[in-house]
Amino acid sequence: MPPTPSSSPHSAALRVATLSQSAPTAFSLRPDSAALGEIAQALALTGLRKLSFAGQLHPVGTRDWQLRARLGATVTQLCGVTLAPVVTRLDLDVTRTFLHDYTEVEGDEIEMPEDDSVEALGAFIDPAAVMEEELALALPAYPRAPSARAEPVRVTEPGKKPMSDAEARPFAGLAALRDQIAADRSVEKGTAEEKGTAEAKPEKKTDS
């Protein structure tokens, strides 16, 4: 029997102790308009439609669980250049593994784990929390309208000319220094040649 879609996301948290160890547990979330508004506000979206999150919780061994689901949403964000609305359709597969014996890394320097889909197993597994986290991760970081053009911005001190693109290139300074050194060497070489010619010229003797 398919799960009944839940309109109140966080009421769908599942108690681990009641999950079946012999078969997957299905879930389906379709937030109502009020919940969509709250999620959109939390994620700084100007629009959120057709949000759905459906899948199953699978037992792994005797004490671990894996969530496998499909996330779908239509989001509206402001263009970072023109502030025009940008609509993006998201459809992605989600996998999250919950480990009973998961160990948190302690210490001042914590490295990011290679697999960020693994986390500690608690008393509940909340598909709604996973849905919101995955939606936030899937959002375009720099939404751009098709007509948006990024114009270069140059800032400098008052009264001074802003650097050009060529001057701002990493090796522009090195190239200028190279040319200056070559010019200095050319001048030094010419001076040395003139001095050598003067020293090699024989002195004119006068008859006594």
C-alpha atoms as a PDB file:
ATOM      1  CA  MET A   1       0.000   0.000   0.000  1.00  0.00           C
ATOM      2  CA  PRO A   2       1.576   3.346  -1.018  1.00  0.00           C
ATOM      3  CA  PRO A   3       2.190   5.915   1.708  1.00  0.00           C
ATOM      4  CA  THR A   4      -0.229   8.778   2.144  1.00  0.00           C
ATOM      5  CA  PRO A   5       1.404  12.113   1.251  1.00  0.00           C
ATOM      6  CA  SER A   6       1.981  14.283   4.299  1.00  0.00           C
ATOM      7  CA  SER A   7       1.206  18.011   4.074  1.00  0.00           C
ATOM      8  CA  SER A   8       2.939  18.812   7.363  1.00  0.00           C
ATOM      9  CA  PRO A   9       6.566  17.842   6.779  1.00  0.00           C
ATOM     10  CA  HIS A  10       7.928  17.514  10.303  1.00  0.00           C
ATOM     11  CA  SER A  11       5.012  15.347  11.424  1.00  0.00           C
ATOM     12  CA  ALA A  12       6.549  12.647   9.218  1.00  0.00           C
ATOM     13  CA  ALA A  13       9.511  11.885  11.517  1.00  0.00           C
ATOM     14  CA  LEU A  14       9.789   8.123  11.920  1.00  0.00           C
ATOM     15  CA  ARG A  15      10.669   6.409  15.196  1.00  0.00           C
ATOM     16  CA  VAL A  16      13.517   3.991  14.509  1.00  0.00           C
ATOM     17  CA  ALA A  17      12.324   1.474  17.108  1.00  0.00           C
ATOM     18  CA  THR A  18       9.048   0.954  15.190  1.00  0.00           C
ATOM     19  CA  LEU A  19      10.568   0.477  11.716  1.00  0.00           C
ATOM     20  CA  SER A  20      10.300  -2.926  10.100  1.00  0.00           C
ATOM     21  CA  GLN A  21      13.558  -4.890   9.952  1.00  0.00           C
ATOM     22  CA  SER A  22      12.201  -7.226   7.258  1.00  0.00           C
ATOM     23  CA  ALA A  23      10.931  -4.745   4.630  1.00  0.00           C
ATOM     24  CA  PRO A  24      11.456  -1.130   3.518  1.00  0.00           C
ATOM     25  CA  THR A  25       9.320   1.604   5.071  1.00  0.00           C
ATOM     26  CA  ALA A  26       7.854   3.971   2.479  1.00  0.00           C
ATOM     27  CA  PHE A  27       7.221   7.700   2.936  1.00  0.00           C
ATOM     28  CA  SER A  28       5.922  10.535   0.757  1.00  0.00           C
ATOM     29  CA  LEU A  29       6.001  14.258   1.507  1.00  0.00           C
ATOM     30  CA  ARG A  30       4.090  16.968  -0.359  1.00  0.00           C
ATOM     31  CA  PRO A  31       4.141  20.123   1.772  1.00  0.00           C
ATOM     32  CA  ASP A  32       1.054  22.348   1.688  1.00  0.00           C
ATOM     33  CA  SER A  33       1.129  26.049   0.807  1.00  0.00           C
ATOM     34  CA  ALA A  34       1.824  27.158   4.375  1.00  0.00           C
ATOM     35  CA  ALA A  35       4.774  24.796   4.705  1.00  0.00           C
ATOM     36  CA  LEU A  36       6.059  25.829   1.276  1.00  0.00           C
ATOM     37  CA  GLY A  37       6.005  29.451   2.387  1.00  0.00           C
ATOM     38  CA  GLU A  38       8.010  28.665   5.523  1.00  0.00           C
ATOM     39  CA  ILE A  39      10.604  26.674   3.588  1.00  0.00           C
ATOM     40  CA  ALA A  40      10.886  29.372   0.909  1.00  0.00           C
ATOM     41  CA  GLN A  41      11.448  32.034   3.562  1.00  0.00           C
ATOM     42  CA  ALA A  42      14.086  29.928   5.331  1.00  0.00           C
ATOM     43  CA  LEU A  43      15.968  29.426   2.047  1.00  0.00           C
ATOM     44  CA  ALA A  44      15.548  33.028   0.811  1.00  0.00           C
ATOM     45  CA  LEU A  45      13.476  31.931  -2.190  1.00  0.00           C
ATOM     46  CA  THR A  46      10.949  34.183  -3.880  1.00  0.00           C
ATOM     47  CA  GLY A  47       8.931  31.154  -4.960  1.00  0.00           C
ATOM     48  CA  LEU A  48       8.652  27.431  -4.240  1.00  0.00           C
ATOM     49  CA  ARG A  49       6.239  25.066  -5.992  1.00  0.00           C
ATOM     50  CA  LYS A  50       5.704  21.365  -6.618  1.00  0.00           C
ATOM     51  CA  LEU A  51       7.947  20.261  -3.749  1.00  0.00           C
ATOM     52  CA  SER A  52       7.853  16.515  -3.239  1.00  0.00           C
ATOM     53  CA  PHE A  53      10.026  13.975  -1.493  1.00  0.00           C
ATOM     54  CA  ALA A  54       9.154  10.296  -1.760  1.00  0.00           C
ATOM     55  CA  GLY A  55      11.155   7.176  -1.040  1.00  0.00           C
ATOM     56  CA  GLN A  56      11.881   4.359   1.368  1.00  0.00           C
ATOM     57  CA  LEU A  57      13.903   3.580   4.468  1.00  0.00           C
ATOM     58  CA  HIS A  58      15.845   0.326   4.090  1.00  0.00           C
ATOM     59  CA  PRO A  59      17.323  -1.668   6.978  1.00  0.00           C
ATOM     60  CA  VAL A  60      21.081  -2.190   6.644  1.00  0.00           C
ATOM     61  CA  GLY A  61      22.329  -5.022   8.800  1.00  0.00           C
ATOM     62  CA  THR A  62      20.693  -5.119  12.221  1.00  0.00           C
ATOM     63  CA  ARG A  63      21.164  -1.550  13.457  1.00  0.00           C
ATOM     64  CA  ASP A  64      21.743   0.804  10.482  1.00  0.00           C
ATOM     65  CA  TRP A  65      19.352   2.400   7.984  1.00  0.00           C
ATOM     66  CA  GLN A  66      19.533   3.904   4.517  1.00  0.00           C
ATOM     67  CA  LEU A  67      17.129   6.473   3.080  1.00  0.00           C
ATOM     68  CA  ARG A  68      16.614   6.407  -0.697  1.00  0.00           C
ATOM     69  CA  ALA A  69      14.297   8.997  -2.204  1.00  0.00           C
ATOM     70  CA  ARG A  70      13.495  11.292  -5.109  1.00  0.00           C
ATOM     71  CA  LEU A  71      13.363  15.061  -4.573  1.00  0.00           C
ATOM     72  CA  GLY A  72      11.477  17.369  -6.906  1.00  0.00           C
ATOM     73  CA  ALA A  73      10.860  21.123  -6.700  1.00  0.00           C
ATOM     74  CA  THR A  74      10.405  24.246  -8.775  1.00  0.00           C
ATOM     75  CA  VAL A  75      12.206  27.197  -7.192  1.00  0.00           C
ATOM     76  CA  THR A  76      12.317  30.906  -8.000  1.00  0.00           C
ATOM     77  CA  GLN A  77      15.321  33.043  -7.062  1.00  0.00           C
ATOM     78  CA  LEU A  78      16.441  36.567  -7.869  1.00  0.00           C
ATOM     79  CA  CYS A  79      19.099  36.977 -10.543  1.00  0.00           C
ATOM     80  CA  GLY A  80      22.365  38.052  -8.946  1.00  0.00           C
ATOM     81  CA  VAL A  81      22.910  40.683 -11.668  1.00  0.00           C
ATOM     82  CA  THR A  82      19.514  42.033 -12.746  1.00  0.00           C
ATOM     83  CA  LEU A  83      17.299  40.940  -9.815  1.00  0.00           C
ATOM     84  CA  ALA A  84      14.923  39.398 -12.357  1.00  0.00           C
ATOM     85  CA  PRO A  85      13.183  36.183 -11.244  1.00  0.00           C
ATOM     86  CA  VAL A  86      14.983  32.976 -12.239  1.00  0.00           C
ATOM     87  CA  VAL A  87      12.969  29.741 -12.233  1.00  0.00           C
ATOM     88  CA  THR A  88      14.801  26.413 -11.848  1.00  0.00           C
ATOM     89  CA  ARG A  89      13.370  22.907 -11.877  1.00  0.00           C
ATOM     90  CA  LEU A  90      15.138  20.427  -9.589  1.00  0.00           C
ATOM     91  CA  ASP A  91      14.836  16.652  -9.808  1.00  0.00           C
ATOM     92  CA  LEU A  92      17.422  14.519  -8.053  1.00  0.00           C
ATOM     93  CA  ASP A  93      17.965  11.217  -6.274  1.00  0.00           C
ATOM     94  CA  VAL A  94      18.880  11.348  -2.589  1.00  0.00           C
ATOM     95  CA  THR A  95      20.686   8.741  -0.513  1.00  0.00           C
ATOM     96  CA  ARG A  96      21.358   9.140   3.212  1.00  0.00           C
ATOM     97  CA  THR A  97      22.831   6.441   5.483  1.00  0.00           C
ATOM     98  CA  PHE A  98      22.278   6.439   9.249  1.00  0.00           C
ATOM     99  CA  LEU A  99      24.839   4.502  11.300  1.00  0.00           C
ATOM    100  CA  HIS A 100      24.263   3.295  14.845  1.00  0.00           C
ATOM    101  CA  ASP A 101      28.009   3.282  15.612  1.00  0.00           C
ATOM    102  CA  TYR A 102      28.815   6.554  13.843  1.00  0.00           C
ATOM    103  CA  THR A 103      31.739   8.378  15.507  1.00  0.00           C
ATOM    104  CA  GLU A 104      32.077  12.141  15.416  1.00  0.00           C
ATOM    105  CA  VAL A 105      35.585  13.518  14.777  1.00  0.00           C
ATOM    106  CA  GLU A 106      36.744  15.593  17.731  1.00  0.00           C
ATOM    107  CA  GLY A 107      39.476  18.205  17.977  1.00  0.00           C
ATOM    108  CA  ASP A 108      40.278  21.738  16.861  1.00  0.00           C
ATOM    109  CA  GLU A 109      40.986  20.743  13.245  1.00  0.00           C
ATOM    110  CA  ILE A 110      38.089  18.789  11.757  1.00  0.00           C
ATOM    111  CA  GLU A 111      38.397  17.557   8.188  1.00  0.00           C
ATOM    112  CA  MET A 112      35.318  17.341   6.015  1.00  0.00           C
ATOM    113  CA  PRO A 113      34.310  13.693   5.534  1.00  0.00           C
ATOM    114  CA  GLU A 114      34.612  12.285   2.027  1.00  0.00           C
ATOM    115  CA  ASP A 115      31.049  10.901   2.205  1.00  0.00           C
ATOM    116  CA  ASP A 116      28.710  13.579   3.564  1.00  0.00           C
ATOM    117  CA  SER A 117      25.675  11.316   3.080  1.00  0.00           C
ATOM    118  CA  VAL A 118      26.518   9.367   6.244  1.00  0.00           C
ATOM    119  CA  GLU A 119      25.388  10.538   9.671  1.00  0.00           C
ATOM    120  CA  ALA A 120      24.663   9.290  13.162  1.00  0.00           C
ATOM    121  CA  LEU A 121      21.465   7.341  13.826  1.00  0.00           C
ATOM    122  CA  GLY A 122      19.202   8.847  16.453  1.00  0.00           C
ATOM    123  CA  ALA A 123      15.881   7.822  17.939  1.00  0.00           C
ATOM    124  CA  PHE A 124      14.054   9.303  14.918  1.00  0.00           C
ATOM    125  CA  ILE A 125      14.727   9.625  11.183  1.00  0.00           C
ATOM    126  CA  ASP A 126      13.110  12.763   9.797  1.00  0.00           C
ATOM    127  CA  PRO A 127      12.598  12.637   6.007  1.00  0.00           C
ATOM    128  CA  ALA A 128      11.384  16.253   6.094  1.00  0.00           C
ATOM    129  CA  ALA A 129      14.679  17.458   7.544  1.00  0.00           C
ATOM    130  CA  VAL A 130      16.564  15.531   4.869  1.00  0.00           C
ATOM    131  CA  MET A 131      14.302  17.027   2.199  1.00  0.00           C
ATOM    132  CA  GLU A 132      15.012  20.601   3.314  1.00  0.00           C
ATOM    133  CA  GLU A 133      18.757  19.985   3.617  1.00  0.00           C
ATOM    134  CA  GLU A 134      18.991  18.433   0.156  1.00  0.00           C
ATOM    135  CA  LEU A 135      16.865  21.193  -1.348  1.00  0.00           C
ATOM    136  CA  ALA A 136      19.178  23.829   0.127  1.00  0.00           C
ATOM    137  CA  LEU A 137      22.248  22.018  -1.256  1.00  0.00           C
ATOM    138  CA  ALA A 138      20.696  21.695  -4.732  1.00  0.00           C
ATOM    139  CA  LEU A 139      19.829  25.387  -5.156  1.00  0.00           C
ATOM    140  CA  PRO A 140      21.858  27.305  -7.769  1.00  0.00           C
ATOM    141  CA  ALA A 141      24.479  29.324  -5.903  1.00  0.00           C
ATOM    142  CA  TYR A 142      24.547  32.110  -8.516  1.00  0.00           C
ATOM    143  CA  PRO A 143      21.187  32.297 -10.308  1.00  0.00           C
ATOM    144  CA  ARG A 144      21.425  34.267 -13.552  1.00  0.00           C
ATOM    145  CA  ALA A 145      18.693  35.443 -15.894  1.00  0.00           C
ATOM    146  CA  PRO A 146      19.358  34.601 -19.581  1.00  0.00           C
ATOM    147  CA  SER A 147      19.762  38.304 -20.409  1.00  0.00           C
ATOM    148  CA  ALA A 148      22.128  39.038 -17.498  1.00  0.00           C
ATOM    149  CA  ARG A 149      25.588  40.333 -18.362  1.00  0.00           C
ATOM    150  CA  ALA A 150      28.286  40.613 -15.750  1.00  0.00           C
ATOM    151  CA  GLU A 151      29.955  44.013 -16.201  1.00  0.00           C
ATOM    152  CA  PRO A 152      33.497  44.400 -14.844  1.00  0.00           C
ATOM    153  CA  VAL A 153      33.758  46.581 -11.750  1.00  0.00           C
ATOM    154  CA  ARG A 154      37.008  48.470 -11.195  1.00  0.00           C
ATOM    155  CA  VAL A 155      37.673  50.284  -7.932  1.00  0.00           C
ATOM    156  CA  THR A 156      40.670  52.519  -7.267  1.00  0.00           C
ATOM    157  CA  GLU A 157      41.712  55.506  -5.189  1.00  0.00           C
ATOM    158  CA  PRO A 158      40.219  58.936  -6.032  1.00  0.00           C
ATOM    159  CA  GLY A 159      42.192  60.702  -8.745  1.00  0.00           C
ATOM    160  CA  LYS A 160      43.895  57.525  -9.997  1.00  0.00           C
ATOM    161  CA  LYS A 161      43.195  55.619 -13.199  1.00  0.00           C
ATOM    162  CA  PRO A 162      41.715  52.118 -12.664  1.00  0.00           C
ATOM    163  CA  MET A 163      43.844  49.204 -13.837  1.00  0.00           C
ATOM    164  CA  SER A 164      42.981  47.712 -17.194  1.00  0.00           C
ATOM    165  CA  ASP A 165      42.366  43.983 -17.635  1.00  0.00           C
ATOM    166  CA  ALA A 166      45.808  43.577 -19.206  1.00  0.00           C
ATOM    167  CA  GLU A 167      47.476  45.370 -16.307  1.00  0.00           C
ATOM    168  CA  ALA A 168      45.603  43.255 -13.781  1.00  0.00           C
ATOM    169  CA  ARG A 169      46.777  39.966 -15.242  1.00  0.00           C
ATOM    170  CA  PRO A 170      49.068  37.968 -12.935  1.00  0.00           C
ATOM    171  CA  PHE A 171      52.163  38.211 -15.171  1.00  0.00           C
ATOM    172  CA  ALA A 172      51.705  41.743 -16.442  1.00  0.00           C
ATOM    173  CA  GLY A 173      54.092  43.093 -13.796  1.00  0.00           C
ATOM    174  CA  LEU A 174      56.678  40.448 -14.602  1.00  0.00           C
ATOM    175  CA  ALA A 175      56.526  41.251 -18.299  1.00  0.00           C
ATOM    176  CA  ALA A 176      57.047  44.962 -17.594  1.00  0.00           C
ATOM    177  CA  LEU A 177      59.993  44.166 -15.309  1.00  0.00           C
ATOM    178  CA  ARG A 178      61.518  41.908 -17.977  1.00  0.00           C
ATOM    179  CA  ASP A 179      61.244  44.643 -20.598  1.00  0.00           C
ATOM    180  CA  GLN A 180      62.823  47.180 -18.232  1.00  0.00           C
ATOM    181  CA  ILE A 181      65.753  44.868 -17.456  1.00  0.00           C
ATOM    182  CA  ALA A 182      66.317  44.257 -21.188  1.00  0.00           C
ATOM    183  CA  ALA A 183      66.288  48.004 -21.844  1.00  0.00           C
ATOM    184  CA  ASP A 184      68.769  48.660 -19.027  1.00  0.00           C
ATOM    185  CA  ARG A 185      71.123  45.977 -20.327  1.00  0.00           C
ATOM    186  CA  SER A 186      70.950  47.454 -23.815  1.00  0.00           C
ATOM    187  CA  VAL A 187      71.933  50.867 -22.481  1.00  0.00           C
ATOM    188  CA  GLU A 188      74.782  49.375 -20.417  1.00  0.00           C
ATOM    189  CA  LYS A 189      76.056  47.433 -23.434  1.00  0.00           C
ATOM    190  CA  GLY A 190      76.079  50.538 -25.634  1.00  0.00           C
ATOM    191  CA  THR A 191      77.945  52.536 -22.961  1.00  0.00           C
ATOM    192  CA  ALA A 192      80.548  49.784 -22.565  1.00  0.00           C
ATOM    193  CA  GLU A 193      81.113  49.599 -26.327  1.00  0.00           C
ATOM    194  CA  GLU A 194      81.637  53.346 -26.542  1.00  0.00           C
ATOM    195  CA  LYS A 195      84.100  53.235 -23.649  1.00  0.00           C
ATOM    196  CA  GLY A 196      86.009  50.348 -25.229  1.00  0.00           C
ATOM    197  CA  THR A 197      86.298  52.191 -28.528  1.00  0.00           C
ATOM    198  CA  ALA A 198      87.630  55.266 -26.795  1.00  0.00           C
ATOM    199  CA  GLU A 199      90.279  53.255 -24.891  1.00  0.00           C
ATOM    200  CA  ALA A 200      91.425  51.398 -28.029  1.00  0.00           C
ATOM    201  CA  LYS A 201      91.939  54.592 -30.068  1.00  0.00           C
ATOM    202  CA  PRO A 202      95.747  55.358 -30.259  1.00  0.00           C
ATOM    203  CA  GLU A 203      96.957  58.692 -29.001  1.00  0.00           C
ATOM    204  CA  LYS A 204      98.298  61.110 -31.646  1.00  0.00           C
ATOM    205  CA  LYS A 205     101.982  61.973 -31.096  1.00  0.00           C
ATOM    206  CA  THR A 206     103.298  65.433 -31.823  1.00  0.00           C
ATOM    207  CA  ASP A 207     106.763  66.096 -33.316  1.00  0.00           C
ATOM    208  CA  SER A 208     109.096  67.853 -30.945  1.00  0.00           C
END
